[in-house]
Protein backbone atom coordinates (compact mmCIF):
# COMPACT_ATOMS: atom_id res chain seq x y z
CA MET A 1 -197.23 -75.43 -15.37
CA SER A 2 -200.81 -74.38 -16.11
CA SER A 3 -201.77 -72.54 -19.28
CA SER A 4 -202.90 -69.50 -17.28
CA GLU A 5 -199.37 -68.80 -16.07
CA HIS A 6 -198.37 -67.62 -19.55
CA SER A 7 -201.61 -65.92 -20.46
CA ASP A 8 -201.74 -62.17 -20.93
CA ARG A 9 -205.29 -62.21 -19.58
CA SER A 10 -204.66 -63.73 -16.20
CA LEU A 11 -203.65 -61.63 -13.21
CA ARG A 12 -201.90 -64.67 -11.74
CA SER A 13 -199.43 -64.71 -14.64
CA LYS A 14 -198.35 -61.16 -13.88
CA GLY A 15 -197.39 -61.81 -10.30
CA ILE A 16 -198.64 -59.70 -7.41
CA VAL A 17 -200.80 -56.81 -8.52
CA GLU A 18 -200.37 -53.65 -6.51
CA HIS A 19 -203.42 -51.67 -5.46
CA THR A 20 -202.02 -48.61 -7.26
CA GLN A 21 -201.93 -50.56 -10.53
CA LEU A 22 -205.62 -51.36 -10.22
CA VAL A 23 -206.59 -47.80 -9.32
CA SER A 24 -204.53 -46.19 -12.08
CA SER A 25 -206.03 -48.43 -14.75
CA ALA A 26 -209.60 -47.61 -13.70
CA LYS A 27 -211.57 -45.19 -15.84
CA PRO A 28 -212.19 -41.87 -14.08
CA ARG A 29 -215.87 -41.42 -13.21
CA LYS A 30 -217.84 -38.37 -14.13
CA ALA A 31 -219.14 -36.24 -11.30
CA ARG A 32 -222.59 -37.28 -10.08
CA ALA A 33 -225.40 -34.90 -11.01
CA ASN A 34 -227.09 -33.37 -7.98
CA TRP A 35 -230.77 -32.65 -8.45
CA THR A 36 -232.63 -29.90 -6.62
CA ASP A 37 -236.37 -30.18 -6.01
CA ALA A 38 -236.98 -27.46 -8.60
CA GLU A 39 -234.88 -29.32 -11.19
CA GLU A 40 -236.74 -32.57 -10.51
CA ARG A 41 -240.11 -30.84 -10.87
CA ALA A 42 -239.06 -29.19 -14.15
CA PHE A 43 -237.70 -32.53 -15.36
CA VAL A 44 -240.90 -34.47 -14.61
CA LEU A 45 -243.12 -31.68 -15.99
CA TYR A 46 -241.09 -31.60 -19.22
CA LEU A 47 -241.46 -35.35 -19.63
CA GLN A 48 -245.16 -35.11 -18.81
CA GLN A 49 -245.58 -32.53 -21.58
CA HIS A 50 -243.75 -34.86 -23.98
CA ALA A 51 -245.46 -38.07 -22.87
CA ALA A 52 -246.68 -38.65 -26.43
CA THR A 53 -243.09 -39.55 -27.41
CA ALA A 54 -242.94 -42.29 -24.77
CA GLY A 55 -243.81 -45.88 -25.46
CA ASP A 56 -245.27 -48.48 -23.17
CA GLY A 57 -244.29 -48.05 -19.55
CA LEU A 58 -243.24 -44.44 -20.21
CA ASN A 59 -240.03 -45.46 -21.97
CA PHE A 60 -238.81 -42.29 -23.66
CA PRO A 61 -236.42 -42.34 -26.63
CA LYS A 62 -232.90 -40.96 -26.26
CA ARG A 63 -233.78 -37.79 -28.19
CA THR A 64 -236.30 -36.87 -25.49
CA PHE A 65 -233.65 -37.18 -22.78
CA THR A 66 -231.28 -35.10 -24.91
CA SER A 67 -233.89 -32.36 -25.23
CA VAL A 68 -234.81 -32.41 -21.53
CA ALA A 69 -231.10 -32.16 -20.62
CA GLN A 70 -230.80 -29.09 -22.86
CA HIS A 71 -233.99 -27.64 -21.34
CA LEU A 72 -232.59 -28.04 -17.83
CA GLN A 73 -229.27 -26.43 -18.79
CA GLU A 74 -231.11 -23.41 -20.19
CA LYS A 75 -233.55 -23.12 -17.27
CA PHE A 76 -231.08 -23.73 -14.43
CA LEU A 77 -227.88 -21.89 -15.20
CA GLU A 78 -226.21 -22.73 -11.88
CA GLN A 79 -226.37 -26.49 -11.44
CA THR A 80 -224.48 -28.37 -8.77
CA GLY A 81 -222.55 -31.58 -9.23
CA GLY A 82 -222.02 -33.16 -12.61
CA GLU A 83 -223.70 -32.04 -15.81
CA LYS A 84 -227.24 -33.26 -16.39
CA THR A 85 -226.60 -35.04 -19.66
CA SER A 86 -229.07 -37.23 -21.56
CA THR A 87 -227.55 -40.24 -19.77
CA ALA A 88 -227.98 -38.57 -16.36
CA CYS A 89 -231.57 -37.72 -17.27
CA HIS A 90 -232.27 -41.28 -18.39
CA THR A 91 -230.84 -42.62 -15.13
CA LYS A 92 -232.92 -40.16 -13.12
CA TRP A 93 -236.05 -41.16 -15.03
CA THR A 94 -235.53 -44.85 -14.29
CA LYS A 95 -235.50 -43.93 -10.60
CA VAL A 96 -238.57 -41.68 -10.59
CA ARG A 97 -240.62 -43.34 -13.36
CA THR A 98 -242.41 -45.79 -11.10
CA ILE A 99 -243.35 -43.09 -8.61
CA SER A 100 -244.47 -40.72 -11.37
CA TYR A 101 -246.40 -43.46 -13.15
CA LEU A 102 -248.24 -44.38 -9.95
CA CYS A 103 -249.06 -40.73 -9.28
CA VAL A 104 -250.55 -40.35 -12.76
CA ILE A 105 -252.67 -43.47 -12.29
CA TYR A 106 -253.77 -42.29 -8.83
CA SER A 107 -254.65 -38.81 -10.15
CA SER A 108 -256.61 -40.34 -13.03
CA ASN A 109 -258.56 -42.53 -10.64
CA ILE A 110 -259.36 -39.61 -8.34
CA ALA A 111 -260.50 -37.49 -11.31
CA ALA A 112 -262.69 -40.33 -12.58
CA GLN A 113 -264.37 -40.70 -9.16
CA GLY A 114 -264.97 -36.98 -8.64
């Protein structure tokens, strides 16, 4: 007999695990935040206005994402999907940061040439 057969941590020691047991033990997920174009623009503009709080690579502190989430809730009273929390805003920023960063660099280069 192997040591894993008596372990409380091994699924093998518990016999066959039913699919319903796995599903019921899973943590319920929060609803995904849906972003409109207007919300995305307001989000990026807010972060642009608060760029001084960002570090290298436009890494904003949590308090900035908390304040932008509050700003969005006040500006857009009827949001779809899950709530735009500081975590949702941080996740959104990680997705659009590279694009925004490249646009800023491109705009700066154009302005310098003209």
